[in-house]
C-alpha cells in the first residue's frame, strides 16, 4: 500500500482499530486484519463495534441487507469491506473538497 490514498486509508483505519500491518501490506492484508479484529469484537465487545460503525458512518440498512444476503459468508469480511469502501469515499471527498477552498460563486459557505 504505497499510494497517498492507500496511506490515508491505512491511517484512518488504524485510528479506530487495533491492527498491525507490515510496511509492504496490501489492501487485501488490511481487509483480512480488519476482518479478524471485527470478528473478535463481535464475540467480545459488540457494543464497541456498533459504536465504531456508527462513527465511521456505515449504513445500518445496507449492512443488514448484505449480512442477510450473505448468511454463509464471513461477517467480519463483509463489514471490513464496507469500512474500507466508506473510508475511501471520505478520502475522495476530502481530496475533491479541501478545506479553505472557496466556492466558485465567491459566496460564503455555511
PDB file of N, CA and C in Angstrom:
ATOM      1  N   UNK A   1       0.853  -1.174   0.000  1.00  0.00           N
ATOM      2  CA  UNK A   1       0.000   0.000   0.000  1.00  0.00           C
ATOM      3  C   UNK A   1       0.899   1.236   0.000  1.00  0.00           C
ATOM      4  N   UNK A   2       1.169   1.765  -1.177  1.00  0.00           N
ATOM      5  CA  UNK A   2       2.117   2.859  -1.240  1.00  0.00           C
ATOM      6  C   UNK A   2       1.527   4.172  -1.725  1.00  0.00           C
ATOM      7  N   UNK A   3       0.395   4.165  -2.384  1.00  0.00           N
ATOM      8  CA  UNK A   3      -0.151   5.413  -2.893  1.00  0.00           C
ATOM      9  C   UNK A   3      -0.620   6.286  -1.730  1.00  0.00           C
ATOM     10  N   UNK A   4      -0.787   7.560  -2.016  1.00  0.00           N
ATOM     11  CA  UNK A   4      -1.244   8.502  -0.984  1.00  0.00           C
ATOM     12  C   UNK A   4      -2.607   8.070  -0.438  1.00  0.00           C
ATOM     13  N   UNK A   5      -3.496   7.634  -1.332  1.00  0.00           N
ATOM     14  CA  UNK A   5      -4.816   7.177  -0.882  1.00  0.00           C
ATOM     15  C   UNK A   5      -4.679   5.961   0.026  1.00  0.00           C
ATOM     16  N   UNK A   6      -3.796   5.050  -0.319  1.00  0.00           N
ATOM     17  CA  UNK A   6      -3.590   3.853   0.490  1.00  0.00           C
ATOM     18  C   UNK A   6      -3.061   4.196   1.873  1.00  0.00           C
ATOM     19  N   UNK A   7      -2.139   5.136   1.926  1.00  0.00           N
ATOM     20  CA  UNK A   7      -1.584   5.557   3.215  1.00  0.00           C
ATOM     21  C   UNK A   7      -2.668   6.222   4.061  1.00  0.00           C
ATOM     22  N   UNK A   8      -3.451   7.088   3.433  1.00  0.00           N
ATOM     23  CA  UNK A   8      -4.539   7.746   4.153  1.00  0.00           C
ATOM     24  C   UNK A   8      -5.557   6.721   4.655  1.00  0.00           C
ATOM     25  N   UNK A   9      -5.880   5.746   3.818  1.00  0.00           N
ATOM     26  CA  UNK A   9      -6.819   4.696   4.186  1.00  0.00           C
ATOM     27  C   UNK A   9      -6.303   3.925   5.388  1.00  0.00           C
ATOM     28  N   UNK A  10      -5.058   3.516   5.327  1.00  0.00           N
ATOM     29  CA  UNK A  10      -4.471   2.762   6.434  1.00  0.00           C
ATOM     30  C   UNK A  10      -4.472   3.598   7.717  1.00  0.00           C
ATOM     31  N   UNK A  11      -4.130   4.879   7.620  1.00  0.00           N
ATOM     32  CA  UNK A  11      -4.120   5.744   8.801  1.00  0.00           C
ATOM     33  C   UNK A  11      -5.509   5.921   9.389  1.00  0.00           C
ATOM     34  N   UNK A  12      -6.519   6.090   8.535  1.00  0.00           N
ATOM     35  CA  UNK A  12      -7.890   6.215   9.033  1.00  0.00           C
ATOM     36  C   UNK A  12      -8.328   4.952   9.764  1.00  0.00           C
ATOM     37  N   UNK A  13      -7.986   3.826   9.215  1.00  0.00           N
ATOM     38  CA  UNK A  13      -8.400   2.563   9.822  1.00  0.00           C
ATOM     39  C   UNK A  13      -7.617   2.295  11.107  1.00  0.00           C
ATOM     40  N   UNK A  14      -6.326   2.573  11.103  1.00  0.00           N
ATOM     41  CA  UNK A  14      -5.528   2.381  12.321  1.00  0.00           C
ATOM     42  C   UNK A  14      -6.022   3.249  13.475  1.00  0.00           C
ATOM     43  N   UNK A  15      -6.598   4.409  13.169  1.00  0.00           N
ATOM     44  CA  UNK A  15      -7.074   5.308  14.212  1.00  0.00           C
ATOM     45  C   UNK A  15      -8.182   4.670  15.056  1.00  0.00           C
ATOM     46  N   UNK A  16      -8.926   3.746  14.479  1.00  0.00           N
ATOM     47  CA  UNK A  16     -10.058   3.146  15.179  1.00  0.00           C
ATOM     48  C   UNK A  16      -9.875   1.689  15.568  1.00  0.00           C
ATOM     49  N   UNK A  17      -9.010   0.989  14.882  1.00  0.00           N
ATOM     50  CA  UNK A  17      -8.910  -0.460  15.054  1.00  0.00           C
ATOM     51  C   UNK A  17      -7.525  -0.862  15.514  1.00  0.00           C
ATOM     52  N   UNK A  18      -7.438  -1.896  16.305  1.00  0.00           N
ATOM     53  CA  UNK A  18      -6.159  -2.390  16.826  1.00  0.00           C
ATOM     54  C   UNK A  18      -5.592  -3.423  15.856  1.00  0.00           C
ATOM     55  N   UNK A  19      -4.982  -2.925  14.795  1.00  0.00           N
ATOM     56  CA  UNK A  19      -4.397  -3.844  13.821  1.00  0.00           C
ATOM     57  C   UNK A  19      -2.957  -3.452  13.550  1.00  0.00           C
ATOM     58  N   UNK A  20      -2.154  -4.441  13.277  1.00  0.00           N
ATOM     59  CA  UNK A  20      -0.754  -4.239  12.935  1.00  0.00           C
ATOM     60  C   UNK A  20      -0.534  -4.744  11.515  1.00  0.00           C
ATOM     61  N   UNK A  21       0.108  -3.923  10.710  1.00  0.00           N
ATOM     62  CA  UNK A  21       0.399  -4.295   9.333  1.00  0.00           C
ATOM     63  C   UNK A  21       1.868  -4.032   9.021  1.00  0.00           C
ATOM     64  N   UNK A  22       2.415  -4.843   8.136  1.00  0.00           N
ATOM     65  CA  UNK A  22       3.770  -4.627   7.650  1.00  0.00           C
ATOM     66  C   UNK A  22       3.758  -3.428   6.706  1.00  0.00           C
ATOM     67  N   UNK A  23       4.913  -2.838   6.493  1.00  0.00           N
ATOM     68  CA  UNK A  23       5.007  -1.705   5.556  1.00  0.00           C
ATOM     69  C   UNK A  23       4.600  -2.105   4.148  1.00  0.00           C
ATOM     70  N   UNK A  24       4.838  -3.343   3.796  1.00  0.00           N
ATOM     71  CA  UNK A  24       4.528  -3.804   2.442  1.00  0.00           C
ATOM     72  C   UNK A  24       3.117  -4.395   2.346  1.00  0.00           C
ATOM     73  N   UNK A  25       2.258  -4.092   3.316  1.00  0.00           N
ATOM     74  CA  UNK A  25       0.911  -4.659   3.340  1.00  0.00           C
ATOM     75  C   UNK A  25       0.098  -4.186   2.141  1.00  0.00           C
ATOM     76  N   UNK A  26      -0.728  -5.085   1.653  1.00  0.00           N
ATOM     77  CA  UNK A  26      -1.633  -4.766   0.549  1.00  0.00           C
ATOM     78  C   UNK A  26      -3.004  -4.428   1.118  1.00  0.00           C
ATOM     79  N   UNK A  27      -3.886  -3.981   0.241  1.00  0.00           N
ATOM     80  CA  UNK A  27      -5.256  -3.707   0.688  1.00  0.00           C
ATOM     81  C   UNK A  27      -5.920  -5.002   1.163  1.00  0.00           C
ATOM     82  N   UNK A  28      -5.578  -6.106   0.547  1.00  0.00           N
ATOM     83  CA  UNK A  28      -6.112  -7.411   0.972  1.00  0.00           C
ATOM     84  C   UNK A  28      -5.632  -7.750   2.389  1.00  0.00           C
ATOM     85  N   UNK A  29      -4.378  -7.440   2.697  1.00  0.00           N
ATOM     86  CA  UNK A  29      -3.854  -7.640   4.054  1.00  0.00           C
ATOM     87  C   UNK A  29      -4.635  -6.785   5.050  1.00  0.00           C
ATOM     88  N   UNK A  30      -4.902  -5.548   4.664  1.00  0.00           N
ATOM     89  CA  UNK A  30      -5.679  -4.650   5.508  1.00  0.00           C
ATOM     90  C   UNK A  30      -7.082  -5.211   5.732  1.00  0.00           C
ATOM     91  N   UNK A  31      -7.707  -5.674   4.668  1.00  0.00           N
ATOM     92  CA  UNK A  31      -9.042  -6.263   4.754  1.00  0.00           C
ATOM     93  C   UNK A  31      -9.043  -7.452   5.710  1.00  0.00           C
ATOM     94  N   UNK A  32      -8.074  -8.341   5.577  1.00  0.00           N
ATOM     95  CA  UNK A  32      -8.016  -9.529   6.425  1.00  0.00           C
ATOM     96  C   UNK A  32      -7.763  -9.189   7.891  1.00  0.00           C
ATOM     97  N   UNK A  33      -6.852  -8.250   8.139  1.00  0.00           N
ATOM     98  CA  UNK A  33      -6.562  -7.850   9.517  1.00  0.00           C
ATOM     99  C   UNK A  33      -7.772  -7.181  10.153  1.00  0.00           C
ATOM    100  N   UNK A  34      -8.440  -6.348   9.385  1.00  0.00           N
ATOM    101  CA  UNK A  34      -9.635  -5.669   9.872  1.00  0.00           C
ATOM    102  C   UNK A  34     -10.756  -6.672  10.126  1.00  0.00           C
ATOM    103  N   UNK A  35     -10.944  -7.610   9.224  1.00  0.00           N
ATOM    104  CA  UNK A  35     -11.972  -8.647   9.399  1.00  0.00           C
ATOM    105  C   UNK A  35     -11.704  -9.461  10.657  1.00  0.00           C
ATOM    106  N   UNK A  36     -10.448  -9.787  10.907  1.00  0.00           N
ATOM    107  CA  UNK A  36     -10.090 -10.541  12.102  1.00  0.00           C
ATOM    108  C   UNK A  36     -10.481  -9.760  13.365  1.00  0.00           C
ATOM    109  N   UNK A  37     -10.149  -8.466  13.393  1.00  0.00           N
ATOM    110  CA  UNK A  37     -10.474  -7.631  14.555  1.00  0.00           C
ATOM    111  C   UNK A  37     -11.986  -7.475  14.708  1.00  0.00           C
ATOM    112  N   UNK A  38     -12.701  -7.334  13.617  1.00  0.00           N
ATOM    113  CA  UNK A  38     -14.168  -7.213  13.673  1.00  0.00           C
ATOM    114  C   UNK A  38     -14.774  -8.496  14.225  1.00  0.00           C
ATOM    115  N   UNK A  39     -14.318  -9.633  13.750  1.00  0.00           N
ATOM    116  CA  UNK A  39     -14.840 -10.908  14.265  1.00  0.00           C
ATOM    117  C   UNK A  39     -14.541 -11.065  15.750  1.00  0.00           C
ATOM    118  N   UNK A  40     -13.368 -10.600  16.182  1.00  0.00           N
ATOM    119  CA  UNK A  40     -13.043 -10.636  17.603  1.00  0.00           C
ATOM    120  C   UNK A  40     -14.009  -9.765  18.395  1.00  0.00           C
ATOM    121  N   UNK A  41     -14.294  -8.581  17.860  1.00  0.00           N
ATOM    122  CA  UNK A  41     -15.196  -7.659  18.548  1.00  0.00           C
ATOM    123  C   UNK A  41     -16.635  -8.178  18.566  1.00  0.00           C
ATOM    124  N   UNK A  42     -17.041  -8.872  17.520  1.00  0.00           N
ATOM    125  CA  UNK A  42     -18.389  -9.467  17.509  1.00  0.00           C
ATOM    126  C   UNK A  42     -18.535 -10.394  18.715  1.00  0.00           C
ATOM    127  N   UNK A  43     -17.476 -11.119  19.027  1.00  0.00           N
ATOM    128  CA  UNK A  43     -17.501 -12.074  20.130  1.00  0.00           C
ATOM    129  C   UNK A  43     -17.280 -11.431  21.503  1.00  0.00           C
ATOM    130  N   UNK A  44     -16.459 -10.380  21.559  1.00  0.00           N
ATOM    131  CA  UNK A  44     -16.034  -9.880  22.867  1.00  0.00           C
ATOM    132  C   UNK A  44     -16.477  -8.467  23.222  1.00  0.00           C
ATOM    133  N   UNK A  45     -16.762  -7.626  22.229  1.00  0.00           N
ATOM    134  CA  UNK A  45     -17.088  -6.223  22.511  1.00  0.00           C
ATOM    135  C   UNK A  45     -18.022  -5.670  21.436  1.00  0.00           C
ATOM    136  N   UNK A  46     -19.183  -6.298  21.327  1.00  0.00           N
ATOM    137  CA  UNK A  46     -20.122  -5.959  20.266  1.00  0.00           C
ATOM    138  C   UNK A  46     -20.574  -4.495  20.342  1.00  0.00           C
ATOM    139  N   UNK A  47     -20.797  -3.980  21.546  1.00  0.00           N
ATOM    140  CA  UNK A  47     -21.262  -2.594  21.665  1.00  0.00           C
ATOM    141  C   UNK A  47     -20.208  -1.612  21.145  1.00  0.00           C
ATOM    142  N   UNK A  48     -18.933  -1.880  21.381  1.00  0.00           N
ATOM    143  CA  UNK A  48     -17.860  -1.022  20.855  1.00  0.00           C
ATOM    144  C   UNK A  48     -17.827  -1.095  19.326  1.00  0.00           C
ATOM    145  N   UNK A  49     -18.044  -2.273  18.780  1.00  0.00           N
ATOM    146  CA  UNK A  49     -18.086  -2.433  17.327  1.00  0.00           C
ATOM    147  C   UNK A  49     -19.204  -1.576  16.743  1.00  0.00           C
ATOM    148  N   UNK A  50     -20.363  -1.632  17.347  1.00  0.00           N
ATOM    149  CA  UNK A  50     -21.503  -0.836  16.868  1.00  0.00           C
ATOM    150  C   UNK A  50     -21.178   0.658  16.941  1.00  0.00           C
ATOM    151  N   UNK A  51     -20.541   1.082  18.025  1.00  0.00           N
ATOM    152  CA  UNK A  51     -20.161   2.493  18.159  1.00  0.00           C
ATOM    153  C   UNK A  51     -19.205   2.914  17.047  1.00  0.00           C
ATOM    154  N   UNK A  52     -18.221   2.072  16.753  1.00  0.00           N
ATOM    155  CA  UNK A  52     -17.263   2.396  15.697  1.00  0.00           C
ATOM    156  C   UNK A  52     -17.940   2.457  14.330  1.00  0.00           C
ATOM    157  N   UNK A  53     -18.822   1.519  14.062  1.00  0.00           N
ATOM    158  CA  UNK A  53     -19.527   1.519  12.775  1.00  0.00           C
ATOM    159  C   UNK A  53     -20.386   2.769  12.628  1.00  0.00           C
ATOM    160  N   UNK A  54     -21.014   3.185  13.713  1.00  0.00           N
ATOM    161  CA  UNK A  54     -21.833   4.391  13.690  1.00  0.00           C
ATOM    162  C   UNK A  54     -20.947   5.615  13.440  1.00  0.00           C
ATOM    163  N   UNK A  55     -19.814   5.688  14.126  1.00  0.00           N
ATOM    164  CA  UNK A  55     -18.915   6.830  13.992  1.00  0.00           C
ATOM    165  C   UNK A  55     -18.311   6.923  12.594  1.00  0.00           C
ATOM    166  N   UNK A  56     -18.030   5.776  11.999  1.00  0.00           N
ATOM    167  CA  UNK A  56     -17.468   5.737  10.645  1.00  0.00           C
ATOM    168  C   UNK A  56     -18.553   6.046   9.613  1.00  0.00           C
ATOM    169  N   UNK A  57     -19.802   5.937  10.022  1.00  0.00           N
ATOM    170  CA  UNK A  57     -20.959   6.216   9.171  1.00  0.00           C
ATOM    171  C   UNK A  57     -21.242   5.081   8.194  1.00  0.00           C
ATOM    172  N   UNK A  58     -21.247   3.868   8.733  1.00  0.00           N
ATOM    173  CA  UNK A  58     -21.636   2.696   7.948  1.00  0.00           C
ATOM    174  C   UNK A  58     -23.154   2.608   7.968  1.00  0.00           C
ATOM    175  N   UNK A  59     -23.760   2.477   6.817  1.00  0.00           N
ATOM    176  CA  UNK A  59     -25.209   2.398   6.707  1.00  0.00           C
ATOM    177  C   UNK A  59     -25.722   1.115   7.366  1.00  0.00           C
ATOM    178  N   UNK A  60     -26.515   1.288   8.413  1.00  0.00           N
ATOM    179  CA  UNK A  60     -27.074   0.131   9.121  1.00  0.00           C
ATOM    180  C   UNK A  60     -27.972  -0.684   8.194  1.00  0.00           C
ATOM    181  N   UNK A  61     -28.773   0.012   7.402  1.00  0.00           N
ATOM    182  CA  UNK A  61     -29.680  -0.673   6.478  1.00  0.00           C
ATOM    183  C   UNK A  61     -28.893  -1.513   5.466  1.00  0.00           C
ATOM    184  N   UNK A  62     -27.879  -0.913   4.861  1.00  0.00           N
ATOM    185  CA  UNK A  62     -27.071  -1.613   3.862  1.00  0.00           C
ATOM    186  C   UNK A  62     -26.322  -2.788   4.500  1.00  0.00           C
ATOM    187  N   UNK A  63     -25.807  -2.579   5.700  1.00  0.00           N
ATOM    188  CA  UNK A  63     -25.092  -3.645   6.404  1.00  0.00           C
ATOM    189  C   UNK A  63     -26.023  -4.828   6.676  1.00  0.00           C
ATOM    190  N   UNK A  64     -27.212  -4.542   7.179  1.00  0.00           N
ATOM    191  CA  UNK A  64     -28.170  -5.620   7.458  1.00  0.00           C
ATOM    192  C   UNK A  64     -28.544  -6.371   6.180  1.00  0.00           C
ATOM    193  N   UNK A  65     -28.743  -5.644   5.094  1.00  0.00           N
ATOM    194  CA  UNK A  65     -29.074  -6.279   3.816  1.00  0.00           C
ATOM    195  C   UNK A  65     -27.943  -7.199   3.346  1.00  0.00           C
ATOM    196  N   UNK A  66     -26.712  -6.704   3.419  1.00  0.00           N
ATOM    197  CA  UNK A  66     -25.571  -7.515   2.981  1.00  0.00           C
ATOM    198  C   UNK A  66     -25.389  -8.754   3.852  1.00  0.00           C
ATOM    199  N   UNK A  67     -25.524  -8.595   5.146  1.00  0.00           N
ATOM    200  CA  UNK A  67     -25.378  -9.743   6.043  1.00  0.00           C
ATOM    201  C   UNK A  67     -26.491 -10.760   5.809  1.00  0.00           C
ATOM    202  N   UNK A  68     -27.693 -10.264   5.551  1.00  0.00           N
ATOM    203  CA  UNK A  68     -28.832 -11.161   5.305  1.00  0.00           C
ATOM    204  C   UNK A  68     -28.651 -11.924   3.987  1.00  0.00           C
ATOM    205  N   UNK A  69     -28.180 -11.229   2.946  1.00  0.00           N
ATOM    206  CA  UNK A  69     -27.993 -11.858   1.639  1.00  0.00           C
ATOM    207  C   UNK A  69     -26.812 -12.828   1.620  1.00  0.00           C
ATOM    208  N   UNK A  70     -25.868 -12.635   2.526  1.00  0.00           N
ATOM    209  CA  UNK A  70     -24.640 -13.432   2.539  1.00  0.00           C
ATOM    210  C   UNK A  70     -24.475 -14.161   3.868  1.00  0.00           C
ATOM    211  N   UNK A  71     -25.502 -14.887   4.258  1.00  0.00           N
ATOM    212  CA  UNK A  71     -25.511 -15.547   5.568  1.00  0.00           C
ATOM    213  C   UNK A  71     -24.362 -16.533   5.752  1.00  0.00           C
ATOM    214  N   UNK A  72     -23.894 -17.127   4.686  1.00  0.00           N
ATOM    215  CA  UNK A  72     -22.821 -18.125   4.779  1.00  0.00           C
ATOM    216  C   UNK A  72     -21.428 -17.500   4.711  1.00  0.00           C
ATOM    217  N   UNK A  73     -21.366 -16.204   4.473  1.00  0.00           N
ATOM    218  CA  UNK A  73     -20.072 -15.528   4.342  1.00  0.00           C
ATOM    219  C   UNK A  73     -19.572 -15.050   5.699  1.00  0.00           C
ATOM    220  N   UNK A  74     -18.296 -14.728   5.737  1.00  0.00           N
ATOM    221  CA  UNK A  74     -17.654 -14.207   6.937  1.00  0.00           C
ATOM    222  C   UNK A  74     -18.153 -12.784   7.192  1.00  0.00           C
ATOM    223  N   UNK A  75     -18.887 -12.598   8.286  1.00  0.00           N
ATOM    224  CA  UNK A  75     -19.440 -11.284   8.615  1.00  0.00           C
ATOM    225  C   UNK A  75     -18.332 -10.248   8.776  1.00  0.00           C
ATOM    226  N   UNK A  76     -17.214 -10.659   9.361  1.00  0.00           N
ATOM    227  CA  UNK A  76     -16.097  -9.732   9.542  1.00  0.00           C
ATOM    228  C   UNK A  76     -15.584  -9.192   8.226  1.00  0.00           C
ATOM    229  N   UNK A  77     -15.503 -10.045   7.208  1.00  0.00           N
ATOM    230  CA  UNK A  77     -15.024  -9.593   5.885  1.00  0.00           C
ATOM    231  C   UNK A  77     -16.038  -8.666   5.221  1.00  0.00           C
ATOM    232  N   UNK A  78     -17.309  -8.964   5.386  1.00  0.00           N
ATOM    233  CA  UNK A  78     -18.346  -8.103   4.803  1.00  0.00           C
ATOM    234  C   UNK A  78     -18.259  -6.714   5.427  1.00  0.00           C
ATOM    235  N   UNK A  79     -18.173  -6.671   6.746  1.00  0.00           N
ATOM    236  CA  UNK A  79     -18.097  -5.391   7.457  1.00  0.00           C
ATOM    237  C   UNK A  79     -16.794  -4.673   7.126  1.00  0.00           C
ATOM    238  N   UNK A  80     -15.682  -5.408   7.090  1.00  0.00           N
ATOM    239  CA  UNK A  80     -14.386  -4.803   6.768  1.00  0.00           C
ATOM    240  C   UNK A  80     -14.413  -4.175   5.381  1.00  0.00           C
ATOM    241  N   UNK A  81     -15.009  -4.867   4.426  1.00  0.00           N
ATOM    242  CA  UNK A  81     -15.112  -4.332   3.075  1.00  0.00           C
ATOM    243  C   UNK A  81     -15.926  -3.032   3.076  1.00  0.00           C
ATOM    244  N   UNK A  82     -17.021  -3.015   3.826  1.00  0.00           N
ATOM    245  CA  UNK A  82     -17.833  -1.796   3.909  1.00  0.00           C
ATOM    246  C   UNK A  82     -17.043  -0.641   4.527  1.00  0.00           C
ATOM    247  N   UNK A  83     -16.264  -0.936   5.557  1.00  0.00           N
ATOM    248  CA  UNK A  83     -15.463   0.098   6.215  1.00  0.00           C
ATOM    249  C   UNK A  83     -14.432   0.655   5.248  1.00  0.00           C
ATOM    250  N   UNK A  84     -13.731  -0.205   4.554  1.00  0.00           N
ATOM    251  CA  UNK A  84     -12.711   0.243   3.604  1.00  0.00           C
ATOM    252  C   UNK A  84     -13.340   1.099   2.513  1.00  0.00           C
ATOM    253  N   UNK A  85     -14.466   0.657   1.972  1.00  0.00           N
ATOM    254  CA  UNK A  85     -15.131   1.440   0.926  1.00  0.00           C
ATOM    255  C   UNK A  85     -15.605   2.790   1.452  1.00  0.00           C
ATOM    256  N   UNK A  86     -16.132   2.826   2.679  1.00  0.00           N
ATOM    257  CA  UNK A  86     -16.606   4.087   3.260  1.00  0.00           C
ATOM    258  C   UNK A  86     -15.434   5.040   3.492  1.00  0.00           C
ATOM    259  N   UNK A  87     -14.323   4.511   3.972  1.00  0.00           N
ATOM    260  CA  UNK A  87     -13.166   5.359   4.205  1.00  0.00           C
ATOM    261  C   UNK A  87     -12.596   5.880   2.886  1.00  0.00           C
ATOM    262  N   UNK A  88     -12.632   5.065   1.841  1.00  0.00           N
ATOM    263  CA  UNK A  88     -12.190   5.525   0.522  1.00  0.00           C
ATOM    264  C   UNK A  88     -13.076   6.660   0.027  1.00  0.00           C
ATOM    265  N   UNK A  89     -14.386   6.547   0.255  1.00  0.00           N
ATOM    266  CA  UNK A  89     -15.305   7.620  -0.125  1.00  0.00           C
ATOM    267  C   UNK A  89     -14.928   8.915   0.578  1.00  0.00           C
ATOM    268  N   UNK A  90     -14.623   8.827   1.866  1.00  0.00           N
ATOM    269  CA  UNK A  90     -14.245  10.015   2.632  1.00  0.00           C
ATOM    270  C   UNK A  90     -12.958  10.627   2.092  1.00  0.00           C
ATOM    271  N   UNK A  91     -11.990   9.791   1.773  1.00  0.00           N
ATOM    272  CA  UNK A  91     -10.717  10.272   1.240  1.00  0.00           C
ATOM    273  C   UNK A  91     -10.939  10.987  -0.089  1.00  0.00           C
ATOM    274  N   UNK A  92     -11.722  10.370  -0.975  1.00  0.00           N
ATOM    275  CA  UNK A  92     -12.002  11.002  -2.277  1.00  0.00           C
ATOM    276  C   UNK A  92     -12.703  12.343  -2.085  1.00  0.00           C
ATOM    277  N   UNK A  93     -13.679  12.374  -1.176  1.00  0.00           N
ATOM    278  CA  UNK A  93     -14.410  13.618  -0.925  1.00  0.00           C
ATOM    279  C   UNK A  93     -13.459  14.696  -0.410  1.00  0.00           C
ATOM    280  N   UNK A  94     -12.609  14.338   0.547  1.00  0.00           N
ATOM    281  CA  UNK A  94     -11.669  15.315   1.112  1.00  0.00           C
ATOM    282  C   UNK A  94     -10.682  15.809   0.065  1.00  0.00           C
ATOM    283  N   UNK A  95     -10.284  14.931  -0.844  1.00  0.00           N
ATOM    284  CA  UNK A  95      -9.370  15.353  -1.911  1.00  0.00           C
ATOM    285  C   UNK A  95     -10.056  16.283  -2.901  1.00  0.00           C
ATOM    286  N   UNK A  96     -11.325  16.055  -3.141  1.00  0.00           N
ATOM    287  CA  UNK A  96     -12.076  16.886  -4.081  1.00  0.00           C
ATOM    288  C   UNK A  96     -12.543  18.192  -3.449  1.00  0.00           C
ATOM    289  N   UNK A  97     -12.665  18.230  -2.126  1.00  0.00           N
ATOM    290  CA  UNK A  97     -13.163  19.404  -1.409  1.00  0.00           C
ATOM    291  C   UNK A  97     -12.224  19.757  -0.260  1.00  0.00           C
ATOM    292  N   UNK A  98     -11.013  20.209  -0.570  1.00  0.00           N
ATOM    293  CA  UNK A  98     -10.070  20.527   0.505  1.00  0.00           C
ATOM    294  C   UNK A  98     -10.567  21.699   1.350  1.00  0.00           C
ATOM    295  N   UNK A  99     -10.212  21.715   2.635  1.00  0.00           N
ATOM    296  CA  UNK A  99     -10.639  22.822   3.497  1.00  0.00           C
ATOM    297  C   UNK A  99     -10.068  24.146   2.994  1.00  0.00           C
ATOM    298  N   UNK A 100     -10.866  25.186   3.105  1.00  0.00           N
ATOM    299  CA  UNK A 100     -10.407  26.501   2.691  1.00  0.00           C
ATOM    300  C   UNK A 100     -10.598  26.802   1.225  1.00  0.00           C
ATOM    301  N   UNK A 101     -10.999  25.792   0.448  1.00  0.00           N
ATOM    302  CA  UNK A 101     -11.235  26.023  -0.971  1.00  0.00           C
ATOM    303  C   UNK A 101     -12.550  26.789  -1.107  1.00  0.00           C
ATOM    304  N   UNK A 102     -12.493  27.942  -1.743  1.00  0.00           N
ATOM    305  CA  UNK A 102     -13.677  28.774  -1.862  1.00  0.00           C
ATOM    306  C   UNK A 102     -14.622  28.248  -2.923  1.00  0.00           C
ATOM    307  N   UNK A 103     -15.887  28.504  -2.690  1.00  0.00           N
ATOM    308  CA  UNK A 103     -16.933  28.194  -3.659  1.00  0.00           C
ATOM    309  C   UNK A 103     -16.693  29.066  -4.889  1.00  0.00           C
ATOM    310  N   UNK A 104     -16.924  28.536  -6.071  1.00  0.00           N
ATOM    311  CA  UNK A 104     -16.682  29.290  -7.302  1.00  0.00           C
ATOM    312  C   UNK A 104     -17.578  30.518  -7.425  1.00  0.00           C
ATOM    313  N   UNK A 105     -18.693  30.554  -6.679  1.00  0.00           N
ATOM    314  CA  UNK A 105     -19.587  31.715  -6.751  1.00  0.00           C
ATOM    315  C   UNK A 105     -19.052  32.880  -5.927  1.00  0.00           C
ATOM    316  N   UNK A 106     -18.067  32.602  -5.052  1.00  0.00           N
ATOM    317  CA  UNK A 106     -17.500  33.656  -4.226  1.00  0.00           C
ATOM    318  C   UNK A 106     -18.307  33.914  -2.964  1.00  0.00           C
ATOM    319  N   UNK A 107     -19.420  33.217  -2.785  1.00  0.00           N
ATOM    320  CA  UNK A 107     -20.232  33.409  -1.600  1.00  0.00           C
ATOM    321  C   UNK A 107     -19.669  32.615  -0.429  1.00  0.00           C
ATOM    322  N   UNK A 108     -19.975  33.096   0.774  1.00  0.00           N
ATOM    323  CA  UNK A 108     -19.527  32.383   1.965  1.00  0.00           C
ATOM    324  C   UNK A 108     -20.252  31.054   2.074  1.00  0.00           C
ATOM    325  N   UNK A 109     -19.522  30.088   2.619  1.00  0.00           N
ATOM    326  CA  UNK A 109     -20.133  28.768   2.859  1.00  0.00           C
ATOM    327  C   UNK A 109     -20.511  28.698   4.311  1.00  0.00           C
ATOM    328  N   UNK A 110     -21.624  28.103   4.592  1.00  0.00           N
ATOM    329  CA  UNK A 110     -22.075  27.983   5.988  1.00  0.00           C
ATOM    330  C   UNK A 110     -21.435  26.837   6.603  1.00  0.00           C
TER     331      UNK A 110
END
